[in-house]
Amino acid sequence: MISTTKTNWESALVSHAFLQDPYPLLHQMREQEPIYWSDSIGGWILTRYEDIMATFKDTESFSNEGRLGKAVEYLPPEKRAKYKPFEDHYATKGLLHSDPPDHTRMRNVIVKDFTPNVVEQMRPNIQSVVNHLIEEAERNGGMDVVPEFASALPVGVIAEILGVPRADRHLFKRWTDMILGFQGVNKPSEGDLTRAQDGLQEIRPYLTNMIEERRKQPRKDLMSKFVTAMTEEGRISESELINTCVTLFTAGHETTLSLISSTIYTLLSHPDQLALLRENPDLLKSTIEESLRFESPVSRQTRLMKQDASLNGKALKKGQLVFQMLNAANRDPAYFKDPDTFNIRRENNRHIAFGFGPHFCIGATLARTEAFIAVGTLIQRFPNLRLVDPKPDWDSEKRNSRVLNKLAVKF
């Protein structure tokens, strides 16, 4: 737990303690200065639900374009030059870092393949993968949920949808980990940037080859649909398609990994709620929603000011970064009763864990479904499921996501 005075906010925001338990400080900031300029973070920090919703709705001022490429701006020119491939990748508009109308055009290419009806058809495959992962772990009497279960599932599912051969799927797990390393880190190290660039330079040629193969011989997979949209309909360029596929792996992987592992941890550390769920399995859906609110997988999202704007009396300038603290919004007492209580019977749970508006997470239904099946199967299979260590080990490097480093359980 971290609690501090306003004069110490700057050091607290970049501390290990904050990433282990950010909520006391976020509550304090929301009460005292909900729109706060931080020199240590390098942007405006928003902690109030109402303000964050306003920024989601104003895409004219609060932009998704160009923000990830800013990760190398702090480097001197001679060092920055070697990261040109990295900058070039993020200079290309993709699903996650573009604004309407380009974002709308690209989203329309993809959205129909992530509707509830389509995701429902994926359930047997997801269940099969979950069963396989659990059977592998059962032989050992326990597992580390993060690498052996929560991480393995989403990469496999996205790879299956896109049409990646099973023998190559381990490559995408490695590339995803490499690329994600720099995101959410204040002034990422050259090591993180180099790993991310190396990952991009490996995954991009692979995706290019997949595109060429689908051009010559279309298949019944999502990549073939993307290639048709590119070659026959002209709705997305090849560079946009590659960028978007990278996003599907990276964003889809970490969000679902976090959701599954944190839901399991939170249930096991709240035995009263776990007992309630075991007695009432129909509460599993609301359990997943409460977990999304209580430990938001995406701690914060970032916007780049496209133009000067005013937000609740604060003057935000063009070029400044704005950090939407989703974890703070989802514990705002103005919108959630007893926000620090994990309550799987919570009603009117209007969390914004998946964002809002044009950039609402396109894979939200898929992530929810994966978590529903993964968590439900695990707790049903193992009535004595328990934590090896009750103290959580949250990743103290990543600031955009709420991710456990490890989660050892016994069956």
Protein backbone atom coordinates (compact mmCIF):
# COMPACT_ATOMS: atom_id res chain seq x y z
CA MET A 1 0.00 0.00 0.00
CA ILE A 2 1.19 3.50 -0.76
CA SER A 3 -0.20 6.69 0.71
CA THR A 4 1.61 9.98 0.47
CA THR A 5 1.28 13.75 0.52
CA LYS A 6 0.83 15.74 -2.66
CA THR A 7 4.41 16.98 -2.50
CA ASN A 8 5.63 13.39 -2.87
CA TRP A 9 3.38 12.38 -5.75
CA GLU A 10 6.15 12.61 -8.35
CA SER A 11 8.41 10.09 -6.65
CA ALA A 12 5.47 7.89 -5.66
CA LEU A 13 4.18 7.63 -9.23
CA VAL A 14 7.39 5.98 -10.42
CA SER A 15 7.91 3.81 -7.35
CA HIS A 16 7.77 0.03 -7.08
CA ALA A 17 5.19 0.38 -4.30
CA PHE A 18 2.79 2.25 -6.60
CA LEU A 19 2.77 -0.55 -9.15
CA GLN A 20 2.19 -3.15 -6.46
CA ASP A 21 -0.78 -1.23 -5.00
CA PRO A 22 -1.71 1.92 -6.95
CA TYR A 23 -5.17 2.47 -5.53
CA PRO A 24 -4.54 4.56 -2.37
CA LEU A 25 -2.52 7.12 -4.33
CA LEU A 26 -5.02 7.17 -7.20
CA HIS A 27 -7.86 7.81 -4.74
CA GLN A 28 -5.88 10.67 -3.22
CA MET A 29 -5.15 12.19 -6.61
CA ARG A 30 -8.79 11.91 -7.67
CA GLU A 31 -9.88 13.73 -4.52
CA GLN A 32 -7.24 16.48 -4.57
CA GLU A 33 -6.25 17.03 -8.22
CA PRO A 34 -8.01 14.68 -10.65
CA ILE A 35 -6.30 16.27 -13.68
CA TYR A 36 -2.65 16.40 -12.68
CA TRP A 37 0.45 17.26 -14.70
CA SER A 38 3.30 14.89 -13.84
CA ASP A 39 6.88 15.68 -14.79
CA SER A 40 8.01 12.19 -13.82
CA ILE A 41 5.44 10.49 -16.03
CA GLY A 42 5.61 13.13 -18.74
CA GLY A 43 1.96 13.99 -19.18
CA TRP A 44 -1.44 14.67 -17.68
CA ILE A 45 -2.80 12.01 -15.32
CA LEU A 46 -6.59 11.66 -15.28
CA THR A 47 -8.15 9.75 -12.39
CA ARG A 48 -11.85 10.66 -12.55
CA TYR A 49 -14.34 8.51 -14.47
CA GLU A 50 -16.18 11.54 -15.84
CA ASP A 51 -13.03 13.20 -17.22
CA ILE A 52 -11.75 10.03 -18.83
CA MET A 53 -15.09 9.47 -20.52
CA ALA A 54 -14.93 13.01 -21.90
CA THR A 55 -11.54 12.28 -23.48
CA PHE A 56 -12.81 9.05 -25.03
CA LYS A 57 -15.59 10.99 -26.72
CA ASP A 58 -13.40 13.83 -28.04
CA THR A 59 -11.25 12.20 -30.73
CA GLU A 60 -10.64 15.58 -32.35
CA SER A 61 -8.47 16.67 -29.42
CA PHE A 62 -7.38 13.40 -27.78
CA SER A 63 -5.61 11.38 -30.46
CA ASN A 64 -4.41 7.79 -30.71
CA GLU A 65 -1.98 8.57 -33.52
CA GLY A 66 1.78 8.84 -33.02
CA ARG A 67 1.92 8.12 -29.30
CA LEU A 68 3.91 4.85 -29.32
CA GLY A 69 6.59 6.26 -31.59
CA LYS A 70 7.30 8.87 -28.90
CA ALA A 71 9.02 6.15 -26.85
CA VAL A 72 12.37 6.99 -28.49
CA GLU A 73 12.07 10.77 -28.38
CA TYR A 74 14.12 11.08 -25.20
CA LEU A 75 17.19 9.54 -26.87
CA PRO A 76 19.95 11.71 -28.35
CA PRO A 77 19.89 11.81 -32.19
CA GLU A 78 22.84 9.45 -32.66
CA LYS A 79 21.13 6.75 -30.56
CA ARG A 80 17.64 7.41 -31.83
CA ALA A 81 18.76 6.85 -35.43
CA LYS A 82 19.24 3.12 -34.91
CA TYR A 83 15.57 2.75 -34.00
CA LYS A 84 14.26 3.96 -37.34
CA PRO A 85 12.55 0.59 -38.11
CA PHE A 86 10.79 0.87 -34.75
CA GLU A 87 9.63 4.43 -35.49
CA ASP A 88 8.60 3.51 -39.03
CA HIS A 89 6.39 0.71 -37.73
CA TYR A 90 4.54 2.96 -35.32
CA ALA A 91 4.37 5.82 -37.82
CA THR A 92 2.13 3.59 -39.93
CA LYS A 93 -1.51 3.89 -39.01
CA GLY A 94 -2.92 0.73 -37.54
CA LEU A 95 -6.03 -0.25 -35.64
CA LEU A 96 -4.68 0.74 -32.23
CA HIS A 97 -2.92 3.97 -33.18
CA SER A 98 -5.16 5.78 -35.62
CA ASP A 99 -8.15 8.10 -35.43
CA PRO A 100 -11.38 8.26 -37.43
CA PRO A 101 -11.92 8.12 -40.36
CA ASP A 102 -8.86 5.86 -40.92
CA HIS A 103 -9.57 3.95 -37.72
CA THR A 104 -13.20 3.45 -38.72
CA ARG A 105 -12.16 2.14 -42.15
CA MET A 106 -9.72 -0.40 -40.67
CA ARG A 107 -12.03 -1.39 -37.83
CA ASN A 108 -14.81 -2.18 -40.30
CA VAL A 109 -12.52 -4.68 -42.01
CA ILE A 110 -12.10 -6.62 -38.77
CA VAL A 111 -15.11 -6.05 -36.54
CA LYS A 112 -17.43 -8.58 -38.15
CA ASP A 113 -15.00 -11.38 -37.27
CA PHE A 114 -15.16 -10.57 -33.54
CA THR A 115 -18.91 -10.30 -33.05
CA PRO A 116 -20.57 -12.31 -30.26
CA ASN A 117 -22.00 -14.78 -32.79
CA VAL A 118 -18.60 -15.43 -34.36
CA VAL A 119 -16.86 -15.72 -30.99
CA GLU A 120 -19.54 -18.17 -29.84
CA GLN A 121 -18.45 -20.49 -32.65
CA MET A 122 -14.90 -20.39 -31.25
CA ARG A 123 -15.95 -21.76 -27.85
CA PRO A 124 -15.28 -25.45 -28.63
CA ASN A 125 -11.75 -24.64 -29.79
CA ILE A 126 -11.08 -22.43 -26.75
CA GLN A 127 -12.41 -25.15 -24.44
CA SER A 128 -10.17 -27.70 -26.15
CA VAL A 129 -7.07 -25.55 -25.62
CA VAL A 130 -8.02 -24.92 -21.98
CA ASN A 131 -8.53 -28.64 -21.35
CA HIS A 132 -5.16 -29.45 -22.89
CA LEU A 133 -3.32 -26.85 -20.78
CA ILE A 134 -4.98 -28.06 -17.58
CA GLU A 135 -4.24 -31.72 -18.34
CA GLU A 136 -0.58 -30.87 -18.90
CA ALA A 137 -0.40 -29.07 -15.54
CA GLU A 138 -2.45 -31.65 -13.63
CA ARG A 139 0.37 -34.18 -13.87
CA ASN A 140 2.49 -31.87 -11.73
CA GLY A 141 -0.15 -31.21 -9.09
CA GLY A 142 -0.07 -27.48 -9.74
CA MET A 143 1.21 -24.79 -12.07
CA ASP A 144 2.32 -21.23 -12.52
CA VAL A 145 -0.88 -19.82 -13.98
CA VAL A 146 0.83 -16.95 -15.82
CA PRO A 147 3.12 -18.75 -18.32
CA GLU A 148 1.48 -22.18 -18.30
CA PHE A 149 -2.16 -21.15 -18.65
CA ALA A 150 -3.10 -17.48 -18.90
CA SER A 151 -0.33 -16.62 -21.36
CA ALA A 152 -0.50 -19.74 -23.50
CA LEU A 153 -4.23 -19.48 -24.23
CA PRO A 154 -4.69 -16.08 -25.94
CA VAL A 155 -1.70 -16.40 -28.28
CA GLY A 156 -2.93 -19.81 -29.37
CA VAL A 157 -6.46 -18.54 -29.99
CA ILE A 158 -5.41 -15.50 -32.06
CA ALA A 159 -2.94 -17.64 -34.01
CA GLU A 160 -5.72 -20.13 -34.75
CA ILE A 161 -8.06 -17.39 -35.96
CA LEU A 162 -5.43 -15.84 -38.25
CA GLY A 163 -4.32 -19.19 -39.61
CA VAL A 164 -0.81 -19.48 -38.15
CA PRO A 165 0.43 -23.11 -38.37
CA ARG A 166 0.50 -24.82 -34.99
CA ALA A 167 4.24 -25.49 -35.30
CA ASP A 168 4.95 -21.75 -35.53
CA ARG A 169 2.80 -20.47 -32.69
CA HIS A 170 5.61 -20.50 -30.16
CA LEU A 171 7.31 -17.87 -32.34
CA PHE A 172 4.39 -15.49 -31.90
CA LYS A 173 4.51 -15.92 -28.14
CA ARG A 174 8.20 -14.94 -28.18
CA TRP A 175 7.67 -12.03 -30.57
CA THR A 176 4.73 -10.76 -28.53
CA ASP A 177 6.81 -10.75 -25.34
CA MET A 178 9.64 -8.93 -27.12
CA ILE A 179 7.39 -6.23 -28.56
CA LEU A 180 5.42 -5.62 -25.38
CA GLY A 181 8.51 -5.01 -23.27
CA PHE A 182 8.78 -1.29 -24.01
CA GLN A 183 5.10 -0.41 -23.70
CA GLY A 184 4.02 1.35 -20.55
CA VAL A 185 7.61 1.88 -19.42
CA ASN A 186 8.67 5.45 -18.74
CA LYS A 187 11.64 6.16 -21.00
CA PRO A 188 12.14 2.51 -21.98
CA SER A 189 15.71 1.30 -21.87
CA GLU A 190 17.69 0.78 -25.04
CA GLY A 191 17.52 -2.92 -24.24
CA ASP A 192 13.71 -2.85 -24.21
CA LEU A 193 13.63 -0.81 -27.42
CA THR A 194 16.11 -3.11 -29.14
CA ARG A 195 14.11 -6.20 -28.16
CA ALA A 196 10.90 -4.58 -29.39
CA GLN A 197 12.53 -3.59 -32.68
CA ASP A 198 14.01 -7.08 -33.10
CA GLY A 199 10.59 -8.59 -32.47
CA LEU A 200 9.01 -6.30 -35.05
CA GLN A 201 11.72 -7.11 -37.59
CA GLU A 202 11.03 -10.82 -37.13
CA ILE A 203 7.24 -10.80 -37.04
CA ARG A 204 6.76 -8.41 -39.97
CA PRO A 205 8.45 -10.64 -42.63
CA TYR A 206 6.51 -13.63 -41.31
CA LEU A 207 3.22 -11.75 -41.70
CA THR A 208 4.30 -10.53 -45.16
CA ASN A 209 4.85 -14.15 -46.22
CA MET A 210 1.43 -15.11 -44.85
CA ILE A 211 -0.13 -12.33 -46.91
CA GLU A 212 1.64 -13.53 -50.07
CA GLU A 213 0.49 -17.12 -49.44
CA ARG A 214 -3.12 -16.00 -49.00
CA ARG A 215 -2.92 -13.94 -52.18
CA LYS A 216 -1.98 -17.08 -54.11
CA GLN A 217 -4.17 -19.52 -52.22
CA PRO A 218 -6.90 -18.13 -49.93
CA ARG A 219 -7.95 -20.25 -46.96
CA LYS A 220 -10.78 -20.23 -44.47
CA ASP A 221 -9.03 -18.00 -41.95
CA LEU A 222 -9.00 -14.38 -40.88
CA MET A 223 -5.79 -13.54 -42.73
CA SER A 224 -7.41 -14.57 -46.01
CA LYS A 225 -10.33 -12.25 -45.28
CA PHE A 226 -7.89 -9.43 -44.56
CA VAL A 227 -6.05 -10.05 -47.83
CA THR A 228 -9.33 -9.98 -49.75
CA ALA A 229 -10.19 -6.65 -48.12
CA MET A 230 -6.75 -5.38 -49.16
CA THR A 231 -6.43 -6.69 -52.72
CA GLU A 232 -10.00 -6.76 -54.00
CA GLU A 233 -11.72 -4.09 -51.97
CA GLY A 234 -8.86 -1.67 -51.23
CA ARG A 235 -10.11 -1.05 -47.69
CA ILE A 236 -6.75 -1.56 -45.98
CA SER A 237 -3.14 -1.26 -47.17
CA GLU A 238 -0.52 -3.96 -46.65
CA SER A 239 1.42 -1.87 -44.13
CA GLU A 240 -1.80 -1.14 -42.21
CA LEU A 241 -2.67 -4.84 -42.29
CA ILE A 242 0.71 -5.89 -40.89
CA ASN A 243 0.49 -3.24 -38.19
CA THR A 244 -3.03 -4.35 -37.27
CA CYS A 245 -2.02 -8.03 -37.07
CA VAL A 246 0.81 -7.11 -34.69
CA THR A 247 -1.76 -5.26 -32.59
CA LEU A 248 -4.10 -8.26 -32.51
CA PHE A 249 -1.32 -10.38 -31.04
CA THR A 250 0.16 -7.89 -28.60
CA ALA A 251 -2.97 -6.17 -27.29
CA GLY A 252 -5.06 -9.34 -27.35
CA HIS A 253 -2.41 -11.36 -25.60
CA GLU A 254 -1.59 -9.15 -22.64
CA THR A 255 -5.17 -8.07 -21.89
CA THR A 256 -6.44 -11.65 -21.78
CA LEU A 257 -3.38 -12.91 -19.90
CA SER A 258 -3.96 -10.27 -17.25
CA LEU A 259 -7.70 -10.88 -17.04
CA ILE A 260 -7.38 -14.64 -16.56
CA SER A 261 -4.52 -14.58 -14.06
CA SER A 262 -5.82 -11.67 -11.99
CA THR A 263 -9.32 -13.18 -11.84
CA ILE A 264 -7.90 -16.43 -10.50
CA TYR A 265 -5.71 -14.59 -7.99
CA THR A 266 -8.53 -12.31 -6.82
CA LEU A 267 -10.94 -15.20 -6.34
CA LEU A 268 -8.39 -17.26 -4.42
CA SER A 269 -7.56 -14.28 -2.21
CA HIS A 270 -11.27 -13.62 -1.55
CA PRO A 271 -12.46 -17.05 -0.35
CA ASP A 272 -15.94 -15.77 0.48
CA GLN A 273 -16.47 -14.73 -3.15
CA LEU A 274 -14.97 -17.98 -4.45
CA ALA A 275 -17.34 -19.96 -2.22
CA LEU A 276 -20.24 -17.85 -3.47
CA LEU A 277 -19.26 -18.57 -7.06
CA ARG A 278 -18.93 -22.29 -6.44
CA GLU A 279 -22.43 -22.29 -4.92
CA ASN A 280 -23.79 -20.14 -7.76
CA PRO A 281 -21.98 -20.95 -11.04
CA ASP A 282 -24.34 -18.61 -12.87
CA LEU A 283 -22.39 -15.75 -11.26
CA LEU A 284 -19.33 -16.51 -13.41
CA LYS A 285 -20.22 -13.87 -15.99
CA SER A 286 -20.59 -11.14 -13.36
CA THR A 287 -17.39 -12.41 -11.71
CA ILE A 288 -15.45 -11.73 -14.91
CA GLU A 289 -16.99 -8.25 -15.15
CA GLU A 290 -16.13 -7.48 -11.53
CA SER A 291 -12.57 -8.65 -12.09
CA LEU A 292 -12.31 -6.33 -15.11
CA ARG A 293 -13.36 -3.45 -12.87
CA PHE A 294 -11.45 -4.41 -9.73
CA GLU A 295 -8.08 -5.14 -11.38
CA SER A 296 -8.39 -3.53 -14.80
CA PRO A 297 -6.07 -5.43 -17.19
CA VAL A 298 -5.21 -2.17 -18.94
CA SER A 299 -4.19 0.17 -16.14
CA ARG A 300 -4.02 3.20 -18.36
CA GLN A 301 -4.44 4.28 -21.95
CA THR A 302 -2.57 7.13 -23.57
CA ARG A 303 -3.73 9.93 -25.83
CA LEU A 304 -1.69 12.57 -27.65
CA MET A 305 -3.13 16.08 -27.76
CA LYS A 306 -3.90 16.87 -31.39
CA GLN A 307 -4.87 20.43 -30.52
CA ASP A 308 -5.16 22.68 -27.47
CA ALA A 309 -8.19 21.84 -25.34
CA SER A 310 -9.70 22.60 -21.95
CA LEU A 311 -10.77 19.83 -19.59
CA ASN A 312 -12.57 20.84 -16.40
CA GLY A 313 -10.65 24.09 -16.19
CA LYS A 314 -7.23 22.66 -17.07
CA ALA A 315 -5.49 23.88 -20.23
CA LEU A 316 -4.08 20.93 -22.17
CA LYS A 317 -1.67 21.83 -24.97
CA LYS A 318 -1.10 20.33 -28.40
CA GLY A 319 1.62 17.66 -28.31
CA GLN A 320 1.18 16.78 -24.64
CA LEU A 321 0.45 13.23 -23.52
CA VAL A 322 -2.68 12.38 -21.53
CA PHE A 323 -2.82 9.23 -19.40
CA GLN A 324 -6.34 7.89 -18.86
CA MET A 325 -6.07 5.91 -15.64
CA LEU A 326 -8.69 3.23 -16.24
CA ASN A 327 -7.81 1.56 -12.95
CA ALA A 328 -8.72 4.80 -11.15
CA ALA A 329 -11.90 5.38 -13.15
CA ASN A 330 -13.07 1.86 -12.38
CA ARG A 331 -12.73 2.54 -8.65
CA ASP A 332 -14.30 6.00 -8.71
CA PRO A 333 -16.77 6.14 -5.78
CA ALA A 334 -18.92 8.56 -7.76
CA TYR A 335 -19.78 5.63 -10.05
CA PHE A 336 -19.14 2.49 -8.00
CA LYS A 337 -20.41 1.80 -4.49
CA ASP A 338 -17.66 0.49 -2.20
CA PRO A 339 -15.20 0.55 -5.12
CA ASP A 340 -12.40 -1.22 -3.24
CA THR A 341 -14.62 -4.21 -2.47
CA PHE A 342 -14.54 -7.22 -4.79
CA ASN A 343 -18.21 -8.11 -5.13
CA ILE A 344 -19.23 -10.66 -7.76
CA ARG A 345 -22.90 -9.74 -7.24
CA ARG A 346 -22.23 -6.11 -8.19
CA GLU A 347 -25.05 -4.59 -10.26
CA ASN A 348 -24.86 -1.89 -12.95
CA ASN A 349 -21.15 -2.53 -13.37
CA ARG A 350 -20.40 0.20 -15.93
CA HIS A 351 -16.65 -0.26 -15.92
CA ILE A 352 -14.51 1.00 -18.80
CA ALA A 353 -11.82 -1.70 -18.68
CA PHE A 354 -12.12 -2.11 -22.45
CA GLY A 355 -12.29 1.61 -23.15
CA PHE A 356 -15.22 3.42 -24.70
CA GLY A 357 -16.29 4.91 -28.01
CA PRO A 358 -14.50 4.41 -31.35
CA HIS A 359 -11.58 2.64 -29.70
CA PHE A 360 -13.62 0.25 -27.56
CA CYS A 361 -11.60 -2.97 -27.57
CA ILE A 362 -12.52 -4.96 -30.66
CA GLY A 363 -11.57 -8.20 -28.92
CA ALA A 364 -13.59 -7.59 -25.75
CA THR A 365 -16.06 -10.41 -26.42
CA LEU A 366 -13.23 -12.81 -27.22
CA ALA A 367 -11.28 -11.87 -24.07
CA ARG A 368 -14.39 -12.27 -21.92
CA THR A 369 -15.13 -15.65 -23.48
CA GLU A 370 -11.58 -16.93 -23.01
CA ALA A 371 -11.61 -15.82 -19.37
CA PHE A 372 -15.08 -17.30 -18.78
CA ILE A 373 -14.00 -20.70 -20.08
CA ALA A 374 -10.52 -20.66 -18.52
CA VAL A 375 -11.57 -19.55 -15.03
CA GLY A 376 -14.76 -21.61 -15.00
CA THR A 377 -12.99 -24.80 -16.05
CA LEU A 378 -10.13 -24.37 -13.58
CA ILE A 379 -12.25 -23.80 -10.48
CA GLN A 380 -14.69 -26.55 -11.46
CA ARG A 381 -11.92 -29.08 -12.09
CA PHE A 382 -10.03 -28.37 -8.85
CA PRO A 383 -12.25 -27.84 -5.77
CA ASN A 384 -9.13 -27.50 -3.58
CA LEU A 385 -7.40 -24.95 -5.80
CA ARG A 386 -5.23 -22.70 -3.63
CA LEU A 387 -2.42 -20.15 -3.77
CA VAL A 388 1.15 -21.19 -2.99
CA ASP A 389 2.00 -17.62 -1.95
CA PRO A 390 -0.82 -15.25 -0.90
CA LYS A 391 1.29 -12.17 -1.68
CA PRO A 392 0.85 -11.04 -5.31
CA ASP A 393 3.87 -10.31 -7.48
CA TRP A 394 2.74 -7.59 -9.89
CA ASP A 395 5.02 -6.57 -12.74
CA SER A 396 6.77 -3.41 -11.56
CA GLU A 397 7.99 -2.35 -15.01
CA LYS A 398 4.79 -2.17 -17.04
CA ARG A 399 2.66 0.87 -16.39
CA ASN A 400 0.01 0.35 -19.05
CA SER A 401 -1.08 -3.06 -17.84
CA ARG A 402 -1.79 -4.86 -14.59
CA VAL A 403 0.12 -8.12 -15.00
CA LEU A 404 1.28 -10.70 -12.49
CA ASN A 405 4.84 -11.96 -12.92
CA LYS A 406 3.86 -15.34 -11.55
CA LEU A 407 0.92 -17.04 -9.88
CA ALA A 408 1.75 -20.44 -8.42
CA VAL A 409 -1.25 -22.60 -7.48
CA LYS A 410 -1.72 -26.08 -6.09
CA PHE A 411 -4.56 -28.33 -7.15
